[in-house]
Amino acid sequence: MMNSTPTTRTCPTVLVVGATGHFAGLVVPALVERGVRVRALIRDPDKASMARHRGAREIAVGDLRDRQSLARAMQGIDGVFHLGPAFVPDEVEMGVTLVEVAEEAGVCKFVFSSVIQPTNTQLPNHTAKIPVETALFTSTMDYTILHPANFFQNIGAAWPAVIEDGTFGEPFPTTSRVTRVDYRDVAEVAAIALTEDRLAYGTFELCATDKLNREEVAVLMSQTLGRRIEATAPDFESWFKRTALPYDRNQQRLLANVHAHYANHGVGGNDLTLRTILGRPPRSLEAYIRELAQGTSK
């Protein structure tokens, strides 16, 4: 009888790109929990303490635009986790270079956090992931590609405004349904992929169960806080000004295009894959909102 227990192949040291970021930073503790030694790739040496606080044992200072710095960071590395920076014009070049350097360094496993619907040609920031995925398909490494939906943590970034104004606003209609996911679940899948063989050579759509519109999200917020939270739909310029995102005009244009797509089509998704990989239901948005209210969210 075939043994159904997943094969474990621990990567003693994993390089986490963007380990001080809001999202990739969640992968560090997920790996540490599975006994992995994490090397954090950071651009700013002053943020080394942040990476160490999250559990990184080693620090590599480097830049995705500096191939030599990446080659130095890859020395002695067994696995790589990569989540590319959002909306940058050279995202493809940075991702492909990272794959090439990892392969040259003899890395055994590479996990790429891509995006849901990367073949959606209406979203250039989605299709920018395709060449990086192709570089992995044609590499000699064991790869795992993740297609996560919109992150719960984006709602977390808007939480101060929710508390201050009693409104939850995004620049598309309140009735548009958008599939989301808790990036901690994505991080857990990444950690599984980097320490086991069962996800090798797989591409996985990662979504939470519910596909809620903003009116329904506002109801969850109202129930949790015990006061009315109103769902609003500000125009993009007003919304962007309030978020204070460090984006240039081209990045703003790409982000506005994403929200226009949400307005016209929403975003679909299915939780079967994430539920199956984790062996449990995905984290729910309702539970995440409770964490926000209690100040315990990540």
Foldseek 3Di string as FASTA:
>chain_A
DDDPDFAWDAWQEEEQEPCLDPQSVLLQLLQVVVVHAYEYEAQDPVCVVVSVVSPHPHYQHDDLVDLVSLLVSLASGAEYEDEFDFLDPCSLVSLLSNLVSNLVNVHAEYEYEAAAPLVPVLAVRSVSCVNSVVSVVPGPHFYAYEHEFAELVVQVLCVVVCVVPLEDEDAADQQQWAWYAHSSLVSNLVSCVNTTPPRTPYYYYATAADGGGNQVVQVLLCVLVVHGRYYDHDHLVVVCVVSPDPDDPSSSVSVVSVRVCSRVHHYDGHHVRSCVSVVHHGDDSSVQSNCSVVVNHD
